[in-house]
């Protein structure tokens, strides 16, 4: 037989529980979102919905408060919404605006694969590109290419070959193109060619040459930065650059370039003369023909923004 004090405590606990339940019910029924939801769906809800759905309504109100106070919630990054289930009120969790923005940012970064490229291209945009007469032709070509690709991604679109002096914004413009395409759901790969060439030489020793070459040559959209800036090598020219460009020409994959040299200068110098001084004009012509098939040449001039005193 229970002690009188124990029975009294049990009764008090029950009374406290009832009082707490009434307090919870009173609180949730004053919530504007709960009031509007019940009003909008009254015909679809059980007549005792408040009693039967009290725990769900309480959870809904408490989670909203946590999010408003920036406290850890039951499902971080998601906010509760009221739904109907079997004529009662239930809760579903939907991603918050902040989580959606964060996920979109991650997706954008994944769509722009940058290999040995400067950090400045991460936020590059056409809007922030400084407009000058000496730079506008290249900017217009870049905008036209991205617009045409976005409108008809299944068609073959010639890329652009931007050439000009050091530090005038060629690489930045490539980044702006890549980011514009990423915002529209397209994946772009950017490579700094001199660094990529050095990496390919190292890849022979660790047996990753074929894998890396295939990844680059098959990129949906490829942008090759600073072609001609490394020391010329017949192996890089023929077995790396040549293989990549041949595949992209055959598959009609959009490809863009930047260089300090015009196509003619690139052909007569970098592509023809090796580091040993050998001249191979026929092989150079083969490469330049592929570059011309894949891109239209456009010159950019202006001051060196990276090093104004240069």
C-alpha atoms as a PDB file:
ATOM      1  CA  UNK A   1       0.000   0.000   0.000  1.00  0.00           C
ATOM      2  CA  UNK A   2       1.358   3.422  -0.975  1.00  0.00           C
ATOM      3  CA  UNK A   3       2.317   5.911   1.665  1.00  0.00           C
ATOM      4  CA  UNK A   4      -0.119   8.882   1.929  1.00  0.00           C
ATOM      5  CA  UNK A   5       2.685  11.291   1.059  1.00  0.00           C
ATOM      6  CA  UNK A   6       3.484   9.311  -2.091  1.00  0.00           C
ATOM      7  CA  UNK A   7      -0.154   9.328  -3.186  1.00  0.00           C
ATOM      8  CA  UNK A   8      -0.338  13.047  -2.556  1.00  0.00           C
ATOM      9  CA  UNK A   9       2.821  13.593  -4.623  1.00  0.00           C
ATOM     10  CA  UNK A  10       1.374  11.497  -7.453  1.00  0.00           C
ATOM     11  CA  UNK A  11      -1.807  13.589  -7.424  1.00  0.00           C
ATOM     12  CA  UNK A  12       0.225  16.781  -7.433  1.00  0.00           C
ATOM     13  CA  UNK A  13       2.314  15.550 -10.352  1.00  0.00           C
ATOM     14  CA  UNK A  14      -0.841  14.785 -12.294  1.00  0.00           C
ATOM     15  CA  UNK A  15      -2.224  18.210 -11.456  1.00  0.00           C
ATOM     16  CA  UNK A  16       1.045  19.861 -12.535  1.00  0.00           C
ATOM     17  CA  UNK A  17       0.980  17.840 -15.733  1.00  0.00           C
ATOM     18  CA  UNK A  18      -2.557  18.985 -16.487  1.00  0.00           C
ATOM     19  CA  UNK A  19      -1.622  22.573 -15.754  1.00  0.00           C
ATOM     20  CA  UNK A  20       1.436  22.336 -18.000  1.00  0.00           C
ATOM     21  CA  UNK A  21      -0.669  20.794 -20.754  1.00  0.00           C
ATOM     22  CA  UNK A  22      -3.189  23.615 -20.471  1.00  0.00           C
ATOM     23  CA  UNK A  23      -0.342  26.143 -20.573  1.00  0.00           C
ATOM     24  CA  UNK A  24       1.112  24.554 -23.722  1.00  0.00           C
ATOM     25  CA  UNK A  25      -2.289  24.440 -25.403  1.00  0.00           C
ATOM     26  CA  UNK A  26      -2.923  28.057 -24.488  1.00  0.00           C
ATOM     27  CA  UNK A  27       0.453  29.077 -25.904  1.00  0.00           C
ATOM     28  CA  UNK A  28       0.170  27.270 -29.243  1.00  0.00           C
ATOM     29  CA  UNK A  29      -3.376  28.488 -29.863  1.00  0.00           C
ATOM     30  CA  UNK A  30      -2.129  32.077 -29.673  1.00  0.00           C
ATOM     31  CA  UNK A  31       0.526  31.522 -32.314  1.00  0.00           C
ATOM     32  CA  UNK A  32      -0.494  33.481 -35.489  1.00  0.00           C
ATOM     33  CA  UNK A  33       0.817  30.782 -37.845  1.00  0.00           C
ATOM     34  CA  UNK A  34      -1.123  28.071 -36.011  1.00  0.00           C
ATOM     35  CA  UNK A  35      -4.298  30.189 -35.999  1.00  0.00           C
ATOM     36  CA  UNK A  36      -4.038  30.873 -39.742  1.00  0.00           C
ATOM     37  CA  UNK A  37      -3.271  27.245 -40.585  1.00  0.00           C
ATOM     38  CA  UNK A  38      -6.279  25.928 -38.658  1.00  0.00           C
ATOM     39  CA  UNK A  39      -8.498  28.634 -40.148  1.00  0.00           C
ATOM     40  CA  UNK A  40      -7.394  27.817 -43.709  1.00  0.00           C
ATOM     41  CA  UNK A  41      -7.788  24.030 -43.286  1.00  0.00           C
ATOM     42  CA  UNK A  42     -10.674  23.755 -40.820  1.00  0.00           C
ATOM     43  CA  UNK A  43     -12.758  21.541 -43.124  1.00  0.00           C
ATOM     44  CA  UNK A  44      -9.934  19.014 -43.477  1.00  0.00           C
ATOM     45  CA  UNK A  45      -9.100  18.743 -39.767  1.00  0.00           C
ATOM     46  CA  UNK A  46     -10.473  16.522 -37.019  1.00  0.00           C
ATOM     47  CA  UNK A  47     -12.814  18.334 -34.596  1.00  0.00           C
ATOM     48  CA  UNK A  48     -10.440  17.499 -31.703  1.00  0.00           C
ATOM     49  CA  UNK A  49      -7.341  18.518 -33.649  1.00  0.00           C
ATOM     50  CA  UNK A  50      -5.970  20.797 -30.923  1.00  0.00           C
ATOM     51  CA  UNK A  51      -6.035  18.043 -28.327  1.00  0.00           C
ATOM     52  CA  UNK A  52      -4.754  15.307 -30.612  1.00  0.00           C
ATOM     53  CA  UNK A  53      -2.055  17.447 -32.251  1.00  0.00           C
ATOM     54  CA  UNK A  54      -0.939  19.369 -29.170  1.00  0.00           C
ATOM     55  CA  UNK A  55       2.547  17.798 -29.048  1.00  0.00           C
ATOM     56  CA  UNK A  56       3.189  18.578 -32.727  1.00  0.00           C
ATOM     57  CA  UNK A  57       1.986  22.137 -32.345  1.00  0.00           C
ATOM     58  CA  UNK A  58       4.205  22.582 -29.294  1.00  0.00           C
ATOM     59  CA  UNK A  59       7.207  21.232 -31.212  1.00  0.00           C
ATOM     60  CA  UNK A  60       6.424  23.603 -34.072  1.00  0.00           C
ATOM     61  CA  UNK A  61       6.287  26.668 -31.807  1.00  0.00           C
ATOM     62  CA  UNK A  62       9.409  25.706 -29.854  1.00  0.00           C
ATOM     63  CA  UNK A  63      11.477  25.091 -32.993  1.00  0.00           C
ATOM     64  CA  UNK A  64      10.403  28.452 -34.413  1.00  0.00           C
ATOM     65  CA  UNK A  65      11.569  30.156 -31.238  1.00  0.00           C
ATOM     66  CA  UNK A  66      14.963  28.425 -31.364  1.00  0.00           C
ATOM     67  CA  UNK A  67      15.497  29.514 -34.962  1.00  0.00           C
ATOM     68  CA  UNK A  68      14.475  33.092 -34.124  1.00  0.00           C
ATOM     69  CA  UNK A  69      16.977  33.121 -31.229  1.00  0.00           C
ATOM     70  CA  UNK A  70      19.681  31.523 -33.444  1.00  0.00           C
ATOM     71  CA  UNK A  71      19.866  28.549 -31.089  1.00  0.00           C
ATOM     72  CA  UNK A  72      20.582  24.937 -32.189  1.00  0.00           C
ATOM     73  CA  UNK A  73      17.341  23.445 -33.458  1.00  0.00           C
ATOM     74  CA  UNK A  74      16.161  19.862 -33.708  1.00  0.00           C
ATOM     75  CA  UNK A  75      17.009  19.758 -37.412  1.00  0.00           C
ATOM     76  CA  UNK A  76      19.801  22.318 -38.049  1.00  0.00           C
ATOM     77  CA  UNK A  77      19.348  24.267 -41.264  1.00  0.00           C
ATOM     78  CA  UNK A  78      15.669  23.370 -41.563  1.00  0.00           C
ATOM     79  CA  UNK A  79      12.540  25.168 -40.392  1.00  0.00           C
ATOM     80  CA  UNK A  80       9.248  23.535 -39.362  1.00  0.00           C
ATOM     81  CA  UNK A  81       6.101  23.880 -41.441  1.00  0.00           C
ATOM     82  CA  UNK A  82       2.616  22.669 -40.584  1.00  0.00           C
ATOM     83  CA  UNK A  83       1.017  19.975 -42.755  1.00  0.00           C
ATOM     84  CA  UNK A  84      -2.095  17.784 -42.588  1.00  0.00           C
ATOM     85  CA  UNK A  85      -1.774  14.042 -42.012  1.00  0.00           C
ATOM     86  CA  UNK A  86      -4.858  11.856 -41.474  1.00  0.00           C
ATOM     87  CA  UNK A  87      -6.947  14.933 -40.573  1.00  0.00           C
ATOM     88  CA  UNK A  88      -4.500  15.922 -37.855  1.00  0.00           C
ATOM     89  CA  UNK A  89      -1.711  18.495 -37.787  1.00  0.00           C
ATOM     90  CA  UNK A  90       1.809  17.239 -38.338  1.00  0.00           C
ATOM     91  CA  UNK A  91       5.197  18.859 -39.013  1.00  0.00           C
ATOM     92  CA  UNK A  92       7.512  18.758 -42.006  1.00  0.00           C
ATOM     93  CA  UNK A  93      10.934  20.360 -42.136  1.00  0.00           C
ATOM     94  CA  UNK A  94      12.021  22.513 -45.059  1.00  0.00           C
ATOM     95  CA  UNK A  95      15.483  24.012 -45.660  1.00  0.00           C
ATOM     96  CA  UNK A  96      15.910  27.578 -44.442  1.00  0.00           C
ATOM     97  CA  UNK A  97      16.764  30.434 -46.787  1.00  0.00           C
ATOM     98  CA  UNK A  98      20.288  30.474 -45.334  1.00  0.00           C
ATOM     99  CA  UNK A  99      20.777  26.741 -45.974  1.00  0.00           C
ATOM    100  CA  UNK A 100      19.515  27.067 -49.550  1.00  0.00           C
ATOM    101  CA  UNK A 101      21.924  29.948 -50.176  1.00  0.00           C
ATOM    102  CA  UNK A 102      24.766  27.938 -48.641  1.00  0.00           C
ATOM    103  CA  UNK A 103      23.928  24.888 -50.768  1.00  0.00           C
ATOM    104  CA  UNK A 104      23.714  27.040 -53.895  1.00  0.00           C
ATOM    105  CA  UNK A 105      27.126  28.536 -53.126  1.00  0.00           C
ATOM    106  CA  UNK A 106      28.602  25.051 -52.755  1.00  0.00           C
ATOM    107  CA  UNK A 107      27.045  23.977 -56.060  1.00  0.00           C
ATOM    108  CA  UNK A 108      28.450  27.055 -57.790  1.00  0.00           C
ATOM    109  CA  UNK A 109      31.939  26.264 -56.534  1.00  0.00           C
ATOM    110  CA  UNK A 110      31.610  22.680 -57.748  1.00  0.00           C
ATOM    111  CA  UNK A 111      30.604  23.890 -61.201  1.00  0.00           C
ATOM    112  CA  UNK A 112      33.829  25.874 -61.545  1.00  0.00           C
ATOM    113  CA  UNK A 113      36.788  23.511 -61.352  1.00  0.00           C
ATOM    114  CA  UNK A 114      39.869  25.639 -60.932  1.00  0.00           C
ATOM    115  CA  UNK A 115      43.318  24.100 -61.321  1.00  0.00           C
ATOM    116  CA  UNK A 116      46.227  26.302 -60.200  1.00  0.00           C
ATOM    117  CA  UNK A 117      44.209  29.450 -60.865  1.00  0.00           C
ATOM    118  CA  UNK A 118      44.388  32.664 -58.745  1.00  0.00           C
ATOM    119  CA  UNK A 119      41.810  33.280 -55.992  1.00  0.00           C
ATOM    120  CA  UNK A 120      40.622  36.487 -57.676  1.00  0.00           C
ATOM    121  CA  UNK A 121      38.569  34.524 -60.210  1.00  0.00           C
ATOM    122  CA  UNK A 122      36.278  33.121 -57.489  1.00  0.00           C
ATOM    123  CA  UNK A 123      34.238  36.320 -57.393  1.00  0.00           C
ATOM    124  CA  UNK A 124      34.948  37.541 -60.925  1.00  0.00           C
ATOM    125  CA  UNK A 125      31.932  38.876 -62.807  1.00  0.00           C
ATOM    126  CA  UNK A 126      31.090  40.834 -65.934  1.00  0.00           C
ATOM    127  CA  UNK A 127      29.527  43.494 -63.724  1.00  0.00           C
ATOM    128  CA  UNK A 128      32.776  44.170 -61.844  1.00  0.00           C
ATOM    129  CA  UNK A 129      34.947  44.008 -64.983  1.00  0.00           C
ATOM    130  CA  UNK A 130      36.322  47.525 -65.576  1.00  0.00           C
ATOM    131  CA  UNK A 131      35.072  48.798 -68.913  1.00  0.00           C
ATOM    132  CA  UNK A 132      37.471  50.655 -71.182  1.00  0.00           C
ATOM    133  CA  UNK A 133      37.658  50.996 -74.953  1.00  0.00           C
ATOM    134  CA  UNK A 134      40.782  48.844 -75.001  1.00  0.00           C
ATOM    135  CA  UNK A 135      39.002  46.039 -73.110  1.00  0.00           C
ATOM    136  CA  UNK A 136      35.438  46.250 -74.398  1.00  0.00           C
ATOM    137  CA  UNK A 137      35.935  44.060 -77.490  1.00  0.00           C
ATOM    138  CA  UNK A 138      37.127  41.152 -75.341  1.00  0.00           C
ATOM    139  CA  UNK A 139      34.320  41.732 -72.836  1.00  0.00           C
ATOM    140  CA  UNK A 140      31.706  41.749 -75.603  1.00  0.00           C
ATOM    141  CA  UNK A 141      33.097  38.512 -77.050  1.00  0.00           C
ATOM    142  CA  UNK A 142      33.024  36.890 -73.608  1.00  0.00           C
ATOM    143  CA  UNK A 143      29.418  37.948 -72.979  1.00  0.00           C
ATOM    144  CA  UNK A 144      28.320  36.773 -76.419  1.00  0.00           C
ATOM    145  CA  UNK A 145      29.953  33.378 -75.964  1.00  0.00           C
ATOM    146  CA  UNK A 146      28.310  32.759 -72.577  1.00  0.00           C
ATOM    147  CA  UNK A 147      24.904  33.992 -73.768  1.00  0.00           C
ATOM    148  CA  UNK A 148      24.987  31.792 -76.870  1.00  0.00           C
ATOM    149  CA  UNK A 149      26.063  28.752 -74.864  1.00  0.00           C
ATOM    150  CA  UNK A 150      23.373  29.287 -72.212  1.00  0.00           C
ATOM    151  CA  UNK A 151      20.708  29.655 -74.918  1.00  0.00           C
ATOM    152  CA  UNK A 152      21.786  26.576 -76.908  1.00  0.00           C
ATOM    153  CA  UNK A 153      24.121  24.374 -74.844  1.00  0.00           C
ATOM    154  CA  UNK A 154      23.824  21.423 -77.235  1.00  0.00           C
ATOM    155  CA  UNK A 155      25.200  23.408 -80.186  1.00  0.00           C
ATOM    156  CA  UNK A 156      28.905  23.859 -80.870  1.00  0.00           C
ATOM    157  CA  UNK A 157      30.073  27.335 -79.922  1.00  0.00           C
ATOM    158  CA  UNK A 158      33.502  28.652 -80.736  1.00  0.00           C
ATOM    159  CA  UNK A 159      35.288  29.905 -77.654  1.00  0.00           C
ATOM    160  CA  UNK A 160      37.486  32.994 -77.534  1.00  0.00           C
ATOM    161  CA  UNK A 161      41.255  33.361 -77.617  1.00  0.00           C
ATOM    162  CA  UNK A 162      42.096  36.493 -75.609  1.00  0.00           C
ATOM    163  CA  UNK A 163      45.616  37.777 -76.045  1.00  0.00           C
ATOM    164  CA  UNK A 164      47.460  40.794 -74.711  1.00  0.00           C
ATOM    165  CA  UNK A 165      50.097  42.035 -72.294  1.00  0.00           C
ATOM    166  CA  UNK A 166      50.559  40.955 -68.683  1.00  0.00           C
ATOM    167  CA  UNK A 167      48.114  42.011 -65.970  1.00  0.00           C
ATOM    168  CA  UNK A 168      45.388  43.563 -68.117  1.00  0.00           C
ATOM    169  CA  UNK A 169      42.546  41.291 -66.945  1.00  0.00           C
ATOM    170  CA  UNK A 170      42.534  38.318 -69.321  1.00  0.00           C
ATOM    171  CA  UNK A 171      42.409  35.729 -66.544  1.00  0.00           C
ATOM    172  CA  UNK A 172      39.780  37.716 -64.638  1.00  0.00           C
ATOM    173  CA  UNK A 173      37.564  37.710 -67.734  1.00  0.00           C
ATOM    174  CA  UNK A 174      37.837  33.922 -67.982  1.00  0.00           C
ATOM    175  CA  UNK A 175      36.739  33.715 -64.350  1.00  0.00           C
ATOM    176  CA  UNK A 176      33.770  35.984 -65.033  1.00  0.00           C
ATOM    177  CA  UNK A 177      32.727  33.733 -67.919  1.00  0.00           C
ATOM    178  CA  UNK A 178      33.041  30.595 -65.789  1.00  0.00           C
ATOM    179  CA  UNK A 179      31.020  32.100 -62.939  1.00  0.00           C
ATOM    180  CA  UNK A 180      28.278  33.306 -65.287  1.00  0.00           C
ATOM    181  CA  UNK A 181      28.011  29.817 -66.744  1.00  0.00           C
ATOM    182  CA  UNK A 182      28.010  28.273 -63.248  1.00  0.00           C
ATOM    183  CA  UNK A 183      25.105  30.515 -62.196  1.00  0.00           C
ATOM    184  CA  UNK A 184      23.182  29.017 -65.100  1.00  0.00           C
ATOM    185  CA  UNK A 185      23.992  25.430 -64.136  1.00  0.00           C
ATOM    186  CA  UNK A 186      26.965  24.691 -66.409  1.00  0.00           C
ATOM    187  CA  UNK A 187      30.272  23.199 -65.317  1.00  0.00           C
ATOM    188  CA  UNK A 188      33.539  24.802 -66.402  1.00  0.00           C
ATOM    189  CA  UNK A 189      37.154  23.746 -65.908  1.00  0.00           C
ATOM    190  CA  UNK A 190      39.880  26.413 -65.778  1.00  0.00           C
ATOM    191  CA  UNK A 191      43.559  25.505 -65.887  1.00  0.00           C
ATOM    192  CA  UNK A 192      46.699  27.609 -65.631  1.00  0.00           C
ATOM    193  CA  UNK A 193      48.580  25.942 -68.478  1.00  0.00           C
ATOM    194  CA  UNK A 194      52.206  26.399 -67.288  1.00  0.00           C
ATOM    195  CA  UNK A 195      51.328  24.893 -63.886  1.00  0.00           C
ATOM    196  CA  UNK A 196      49.285  22.163 -65.548  1.00  0.00           C
ATOM    197  CA  UNK A 197      52.223  21.308 -67.861  1.00  0.00           C
ATOM    198  CA  UNK A 198      54.546  20.945 -64.871  1.00  0.00           C
ATOM    199  CA  UNK A 199      51.972  18.783 -63.114  1.00  0.00           C
ATOM    200  CA  UNK A 200      51.650  16.544 -66.161  1.00  0.00           C
ATOM    201  CA  UNK A 201      55.406  15.924 -66.189  1.00  0.00           C
ATOM    202  CA  UNK A 202      55.198  14.785 -62.565  1.00  0.00           C
ATOM    203  CA  UNK A 203      52.159  12.601 -63.304  1.00  0.00           C
ATOM    204  CA  UNK A 204      54.275  10.192 -65.347  1.00  0.00           C
ATOM    205  CA  UNK A 205      56.075   9.010 -62.219  1.00  0.00           C
ATOM    206  CA  UNK A 206      52.871   8.399 -60.238  1.00  0.00           C
ATOM    207  CA  UNK A 207      50.900   6.863 -63.123  1.00  0.00           C
ATOM    208  CA  UNK A 208      48.163   9.527 -63.213  1.00  0.00           C
ATOM    209  CA  UNK A 209      48.971  10.966 -66.639  1.00  0.00           C
ATOM    210  CA  UNK A 210      46.132   9.257 -68.495  1.00  0.00           C
ATOM    211  CA  UNK A 211      43.579  10.034 -65.814  1.00  0.00           C
ATOM    212  CA  UNK A 212      44.457  13.737 -65.694  1.00  0.00           C
ATOM    213  CA  UNK A 213      44.601  14.121 -69.462  1.00  0.00           C
ATOM    214  CA  UNK A 214      41.197  12.470 -69.877  1.00  0.00           C
ATOM    215  CA  UNK A 215      39.611  14.669 -67.201  1.00  0.00           C
ATOM    216  CA  UNK A 216      40.784  17.843 -68.944  1.00  0.00           C
ATOM    217  CA  UNK A 217      40.093  16.866 -72.529  1.00  0.00           C
ATOM    218  CA  UNK A 218      36.538  15.749 -71.674  1.00  0.00           C
ATOM    219  CA  UNK A 219      35.582  18.820 -69.609  1.00  0.00           C
ATOM    220  CA  UNK A 220      32.199  20.179 -70.821  1.00  0.00           C
ATOM    221  CA  UNK A 221      33.699  23.671 -71.078  1.00  0.00           C
ATOM    222  CA  UNK A 222      37.473  24.171 -70.864  1.00  0.00           C
ATOM    223  CA  UNK A 223      39.358  27.423 -70.340  1.00  0.00           C
ATOM    224  CA  UNK A 224      43.137  27.324 -70.784  1.00  0.00           C
ATOM    225  CA  UNK A 225      44.879  30.272 -69.184  1.00  0.00           C
ATOM    226  CA  UNK A 226      48.324  31.613 -70.113  1.00  0.00           C
ATOM    227  CA  UNK A 227      49.110  29.261 -72.957  1.00  0.00           C
ATOM    228  CA  UNK A 228      52.650  29.884 -74.192  1.00  0.00           C
ATOM    229  CA  UNK A 229      54.005  31.134 -70.859  1.00  0.00           C
ATOM    230  CA  UNK A 230      55.893  27.935 -69.991  1.00  0.00           C
ATOM    231  CA  UNK A 231      59.125  26.675 -71.509  1.00  0.00           C
ATOM    232  CA  UNK A 232      58.233  24.956 -74.754  1.00  0.00           C
ATOM    233  CA  UNK A 233      58.493  21.176 -74.784  1.00  0.00           C
ATOM    234  CA  UNK A 234      57.712  18.951 -77.734  1.00  0.00           C
ATOM    235  CA  UNK A 235      56.230  16.372 -75.360  1.00  0.00           C
ATOM    236  CA  UNK A 236      53.871  18.907 -73.763  1.00  0.00           C
ATOM    237  CA  UNK A 237      52.984  20.302 -77.185  1.00  0.00           C
ATOM    238  CA  UNK A 238      52.310  16.960 -78.878  1.00  0.00           C
ATOM    239  CA  UNK A 239      51.316  14.490 -76.154  1.00  0.00           C
ATOM    240  CA  UNK A 240      49.455  16.825 -73.807  1.00  0.00           C
ATOM    241  CA  UNK A 241      48.172  19.955 -75.560  1.00  0.00           C
ATOM    242  CA  UNK A 242      47.841  18.226 -78.925  1.00  0.00           C
ATOM    243  CA  UNK A 243      45.884  15.302 -77.486  1.00  0.00           C
ATOM    244  CA  UNK A 244      43.543  17.598 -75.538  1.00  0.00           C
ATOM    245  CA  UNK A 245      42.849  19.890 -78.500  1.00  0.00           C
ATOM    246  CA  UNK A 246      42.405  17.025 -80.965  1.00  0.00           C
ATOM    247  CA  UNK A 247      39.764  15.414 -78.772  1.00  0.00           C
ATOM    248  CA  UNK A 248      37.943  18.688 -78.195  1.00  0.00           C
ATOM    249  CA  UNK A 249      37.957  19.527 -81.888  1.00  0.00           C
ATOM    250  CA  UNK A 250      36.565  16.099 -82.822  1.00  0.00           C
ATOM    251  CA  UNK A 251      33.893  16.287 -80.112  1.00  0.00           C
ATOM    252  CA  UNK A 252      33.217  20.008 -80.751  1.00  0.00           C
ATOM    253  CA  UNK A 253      33.608  20.951 -77.089  1.00  0.00           C
ATOM    254  CA  UNK A 254      33.768  24.699 -76.279  1.00  0.00           C
ATOM    255  CA  UNK A 255      37.268  25.857 -75.399  1.00  0.00           C
ATOM    256  CA  UNK A 256      38.661  29.275 -74.487  1.00  0.00           C
ATOM    257  CA  UNK A 257      42.246  30.508 -74.155  1.00  0.00           C
ATOM    258  CA  UNK A 258      44.279  33.413 -72.848  1.00  0.00           C
ATOM    259  CA  UNK A 259      47.838  34.193 -73.883  1.00  0.00           C
ATOM    260  CA  UNK A 260      50.408  36.950 -74.014  1.00  0.00           C
ATOM    261  CA  UNK A 261      50.829  36.075 -77.696  1.00  0.00           C
ATOM    262  CA  UNK A 262      48.612  36.379 -80.723  1.00  0.00           C
ATOM    263  CA  UNK A 263      47.901  33.117 -82.540  1.00  0.00           C
ATOM    264  CA  UNK A 264      50.539  33.976 -85.120  1.00  0.00           C
ATOM    265  CA  UNK A 265      53.145  34.747 -82.462  1.00  0.00           C
ATOM    266  CA  UNK A 266      52.247  31.576 -80.569  1.00  0.00           C
ATOM    267  CA  UNK A 267      52.688  29.498 -83.703  1.00  0.00           C
ATOM    268  CA  UNK A 268      56.005  30.996 -84.809  1.00  0.00           C
ATOM    269  CA  UNK A 269      57.559  31.033 -81.348  1.00  0.00           C
ATOM    270  CA  UNK A 270      56.230  28.798 -78.574  1.00  0.00           C
ATOM    271  CA  UNK A 271      54.757  26.058 -80.752  1.00  0.00           C
ATOM    272  CA  UNK A 272      57.538  25.926 -83.360  1.00  0.00           C
ATOM    273  CA  UNK A 273      60.771  26.305 -81.375  1.00  0.00           C
ATOM    274  CA  UNK A 274      61.534  23.869 -78.557  1.00  0.00           C
ATOM    275  CA  UNK A 275      63.725  24.531 -75.518  1.00  0.00           C
ATOM    276  CA  UNK A 276      66.608  22.870 -77.434  1.00  0.00           C
ATOM    277  CA  UNK A 277      66.164  25.279 -80.321  1.00  0.00           C
ATOM    278  CA  UNK A 278      64.673  22.739 -82.730  1.00  0.00           C
ATOM    279  CA  UNK A 279      62.118  24.070 -85.202  1.00  0.00           C
ATOM    280  CA  UNK A 280      59.056  22.015 -86.123  1.00  0.00           C
ATOM    281  CA  UNK A 281      56.696  24.306 -88.082  1.00  0.00           C
ATOM    282  CA  UNK A 282      54.434  21.492 -89.335  1.00  0.00           C
ATOM    283  CA  UNK A 283      53.610  20.278 -85.829  1.00  0.00           C
ATOM    284  CA  UNK A 284      53.123  23.880 -84.713  1.00  0.00           C
ATOM    285  CA  UNK A 285      50.688  24.457 -87.566  1.00  0.00           C
ATOM    286  CA  UNK A 286      48.742  21.352 -86.581  1.00  0.00           C
ATOM    287  CA  UNK A 287      48.237  22.719 -83.048  1.00  0.00           C
ATOM    288  CA  UNK A 288      47.347  26.241 -84.151  1.00  0.00           C
ATOM    289  CA  UNK A 289      44.759  24.910 -86.603  1.00  0.00           C
ATOM    290  CA  UNK A 290      42.997  23.197 -83.733  1.00  0.00           C
ATOM    291  CA  UNK A 291      43.109  26.369 -81.640  1.00  0.00           C
ATOM    292  CA  UNK A 292      41.629  28.324 -84.556  1.00  0.00           C
ATOM    293  CA  UNK A 293      38.890  25.728 -85.010  1.00  0.00           C
ATOM    294  CA  UNK A 294      37.973  25.975 -81.330  1.00  0.00           C
ATOM    295  CA  UNK A 295      38.200  29.739 -80.801  1.00  0.00           C
ATOM    296  CA  UNK A 296      38.017  33.243 -82.232  1.00  0.00           C
ATOM    297  CA  UNK A 297      40.948  35.578 -81.622  1.00  0.00           C
ATOM    298  CA  UNK A 298      40.336  38.856 -79.775  1.00  0.00           C
ATOM    299  CA  UNK A 299      42.926  41.330 -78.535  1.00  0.00           C
ATOM    300  CA  UNK A 300      42.848  43.064 -75.166  1.00  0.00           C
ATOM    301  CA  UNK A 301      45.043  46.040 -74.333  1.00  0.00           C
ATOM    302  CA  UNK A 302      45.354  48.374 -71.377  1.00  0.00           C
ATOM    303  CA  UNK A 303      47.439  49.075 -68.322  1.00  0.00           C
ATOM    304  CA  UNK A 304      48.971  46.422 -66.097  1.00  0.00           C
ATOM    305  CA  UNK A 305      46.500  46.332 -63.188  1.00  0.00           C
ATOM    306  CA  UNK A 306      48.398  43.643 -61.341  1.00  0.00           C
ATOM    307  CA  UNK A 307      51.606  45.706 -61.288  1.00  0.00           C
ATOM    308  CA  UNK A 308      50.948  49.333 -62.325  1.00  0.00           C
ATOM    309  CA  UNK A 309      54.655  50.252 -62.028  1.00  0.00           C
ATOM    310  CA  UNK A 310      55.749  47.557 -64.472  1.00  0.00           C
END
